[in-house]
């Protein structure tokens, strides 16, 4: 069976210690039905508050940036915030 992920990613275990595990995990991803802007902001705020207390927040963010995770809140950042961070990181490289 081919997973399409590097073996080091498959062997990572930081997620087992993540504060987002359990019933509150739904806060970290948008619902299948559309949500109002206010609802999204409230959901994201609650998720980020959980991230702030998480002992593996940095590992989570590093993972999401490394694999270019397109969905959800990872390491305390939304999809848009991660895209912006990656663009800022890659900008100096593109000028070199």
C-alpha atoms as a PDB file:
ATOM      1  CA  UNK A   1       0.000   0.000   0.000  1.00  0.00           C
ATOM      2  CA  UNK A   2       1.446   3.367  -1.031  1.00  0.00           C
ATOM      3  CA  UNK A   3       0.550   6.325   1.187  1.00  0.00           C
ATOM      4  CA  UNK A   4       2.197   9.071  -0.846  1.00  0.00           C
ATOM      5  CA  UNK A   5       3.897  10.514   2.245  1.00  0.00           C
ATOM      6  CA  UNK A   6       7.575  10.424   3.163  1.00  0.00           C
ATOM      7  CA  UNK A   7       8.347   7.704   5.697  1.00  0.00           C
ATOM      8  CA  UNK A   8       9.486  10.239   8.320  1.00  0.00           C
ATOM      9  CA  UNK A   9       6.029  11.863   8.221  1.00  0.00           C
ATOM     10  CA  UNK A  10       4.310   8.511   8.715  1.00  0.00           C
ATOM     11  CA  UNK A  11       6.499   7.770  11.775  1.00  0.00           C
ATOM     12  CA  UNK A  12       5.794  11.064  13.547  1.00  0.00           C
ATOM     13  CA  UNK A  13       3.947  10.720  16.853  1.00  0.00           C
ATOM     14  CA  UNK A  14       3.603  14.310  18.088  1.00  0.00           C
ATOM     15  CA  UNK A  15      -0.086  14.284  17.167  1.00  0.00           C
ATOM     16  CA  UNK A  16      -0.750  11.694  19.872  1.00  0.00           C
ATOM     17  CA  UNK A  17       0.024  14.398  22.474  1.00  0.00           C
ATOM     18  CA  UNK A  18      -1.968  17.172  20.764  1.00  0.00           C
ATOM     19  CA  UNK A  19      -4.538  19.126  22.759  1.00  0.00           C
ATOM     20  CA  UNK A  20      -6.959  19.069  19.817  1.00  0.00           C
ATOM     21  CA  UNK A  21      -7.578  15.326  20.051  1.00  0.00           C
ATOM     22  CA  UNK A  22     -11.028  14.303  21.186  1.00  0.00           C
ATOM     23  CA  UNK A  23     -14.474  15.850  20.926  1.00  0.00           C
ATOM     24  CA  UNK A  24     -13.191  19.382  20.300  1.00  0.00           C
ATOM     25  CA  UNK A  25     -11.371  18.274  17.133  1.00  0.00           C
ATOM     26  CA  UNK A  26     -14.363  19.454  15.092  1.00  0.00           C
ATOM     27  CA  UNK A  27     -13.417  23.057  15.891  1.00  0.00           C
ATOM     28  CA  UNK A  28     -10.278  22.770  13.783  1.00  0.00           C
ATOM     29  CA  UNK A  29     -12.018  22.103  10.463  1.00  0.00           C
ATOM     30  CA  UNK A  30     -14.940  23.820   8.752  1.00  0.00           C
ATOM     31  CA  UNK A  31     -18.273  21.992   8.864  1.00  0.00           C
ATOM     32  CA  UNK A  32     -19.561  20.251   5.767  1.00  0.00           C
ATOM     33  CA  UNK A  33     -22.347  22.835   5.481  1.00  0.00           C
ATOM     34  CA  UNK A  34     -21.607  26.540   4.971  1.00  0.00           C
ATOM     35  CA  UNK A  35     -21.077  28.599   8.114  1.00  0.00           C
ATOM     36  CA  UNK A  36     -21.596  32.307   8.624  1.00  0.00           C
ATOM     37  CA  UNK A  37     -18.534  34.518   8.990  1.00  0.00           C
ATOM     38  CA  UNK A  38     -19.283  35.121  12.680  1.00  0.00           C
ATOM     39  CA  UNK A  39     -19.588  31.378  13.298  1.00  0.00           C
ATOM     40  CA  UNK A  40     -16.289  30.723  11.514  1.00  0.00           C
ATOM     41  CA  UNK A  41     -14.495  33.408  13.526  1.00  0.00           C
ATOM     42  CA  UNK A  42     -15.891  32.019  16.801  1.00  0.00           C
ATOM     43  CA  UNK A  43     -14.914  28.434  15.863  1.00  0.00           C
ATOM     44  CA  UNK A  44     -11.417  29.491  14.810  1.00  0.00           C
ATOM     45  CA  UNK A  45     -10.965  31.546  17.997  1.00  0.00           C
ATOM     46  CA  UNK A  46     -11.852  28.543  20.175  1.00  0.00           C
ATOM     47  CA  UNK A  47      -9.509  26.299  18.177  1.00  0.00           C
ATOM     48  CA  UNK A  48      -6.655  28.790  18.474  1.00  0.00           C
ATOM     49  CA  UNK A  49      -7.201  29.028  22.241  1.00  0.00           C
ATOM     50  CA  UNK A  50      -6.716  25.262  22.433  1.00  0.00           C
ATOM     51  CA  UNK A  51      -3.574  25.567  20.293  1.00  0.00           C
ATOM     52  CA  UNK A  52      -2.130  28.187  22.642  1.00  0.00           C
ATOM     53  CA  UNK A  53      -2.189  25.628  25.474  1.00  0.00           C
ATOM     54  CA  UNK A  54      -0.867  22.740  23.378  1.00  0.00           C
ATOM     55  CA  UNK A  55       2.596  21.342  24.098  1.00  0.00           C
ATOM     56  CA  UNK A  56       3.089  20.232  20.483  1.00  0.00           C
ATOM     57  CA  UNK A  57       1.895  23.431  18.773  1.00  0.00           C
ATOM     58  CA  UNK A  58       5.251  24.028  17.066  1.00  0.00           C
ATOM     59  CA  UNK A  59       5.475  20.430  15.833  1.00  0.00           C
ATOM     60  CA  UNK A  60       1.951  20.741  14.471  1.00  0.00           C
ATOM     61  CA  UNK A  61       2.686  23.958  12.615  1.00  0.00           C
ATOM     62  CA  UNK A  62       5.976  22.605  11.269  1.00  0.00           C
ATOM     63  CA  UNK A  63       4.138  19.541   9.953  1.00  0.00           C
ATOM     64  CA  UNK A  64       1.378  21.587   8.300  1.00  0.00           C
ATOM     65  CA  UNK A  65       3.919  23.844   6.592  1.00  0.00           C
ATOM     66  CA  UNK A  66       6.091  20.938   5.494  1.00  0.00           C
ATOM     67  CA  UNK A  67       3.258  18.984   3.866  1.00  0.00           C
ATOM     68  CA  UNK A  68       1.393  22.127   2.697  1.00  0.00           C
ATOM     69  CA  UNK A  69      -1.749  21.100   4.590  1.00  0.00           C
ATOM     70  CA  UNK A  70      -4.603  22.874   2.769  1.00  0.00           C
ATOM     71  CA  UNK A  71      -7.374  22.480   5.370  1.00  0.00           C
ATOM     72  CA  UNK A  72      -8.060  23.331   8.982  1.00  0.00           C
ATOM     73  CA  UNK A  73      -6.243  25.020  11.815  1.00  0.00           C
ATOM     74  CA  UNK A  74      -2.805  23.556  12.476  1.00  0.00           C
ATOM     75  CA  UNK A  75      -0.314  24.936  14.967  1.00  0.00           C
ATOM     76  CA  UNK A  76      -2.601  27.861  15.711  1.00  0.00           C
ATOM     77  CA  UNK A  77      -2.841  29.114  12.124  1.00  0.00           C
ATOM     78  CA  UNK A  78      -5.678  28.956   9.614  1.00  0.00           C
ATOM     79  CA  UNK A  79      -5.223  27.898   6.000  1.00  0.00           C
ATOM     80  CA  UNK A  80      -4.920  31.532   4.880  1.00  0.00           C
ATOM     81  CA  UNK A  81      -2.426  32.375   7.630  1.00  0.00           C
ATOM     82  CA  UNK A  82      -0.234  29.402   6.680  1.00  0.00           C
ATOM     83  CA  UNK A  83      -0.334  30.368   3.001  1.00  0.00           C
ATOM     84  CA  UNK A  84       0.746  33.898   3.923  1.00  0.00           C
ATOM     85  CA  UNK A  85       3.546  32.590   6.142  1.00  0.00           C
ATOM     86  CA  UNK A  86       4.799  30.273   3.389  1.00  0.00           C
ATOM     87  CA  UNK A  87       4.710  33.129   0.888  1.00  0.00           C
ATOM     88  CA  UNK A  88       6.754  35.305   3.268  1.00  0.00           C
ATOM     89  CA  UNK A  89       9.260  32.484   3.793  1.00  0.00           C
ATOM     90  CA  UNK A  90       9.574  31.739   0.075  1.00  0.00           C
ATOM     91  CA  UNK A  91       9.754  35.377  -1.082  1.00  0.00           C
ATOM     92  CA  UNK A  92      13.435  35.925  -0.150  1.00  0.00           C
ATOM     93  CA  UNK A  93      14.325  32.603  -1.791  1.00  0.00           C
ATOM     94  CA  UNK A  94      12.671  33.641  -5.044  1.00  0.00           C
ATOM     95  CA  UNK A  95      14.663  36.884  -5.166  1.00  0.00           C
ATOM     96  CA  UNK A  96      18.001  35.100  -4.700  1.00  0.00           C
END
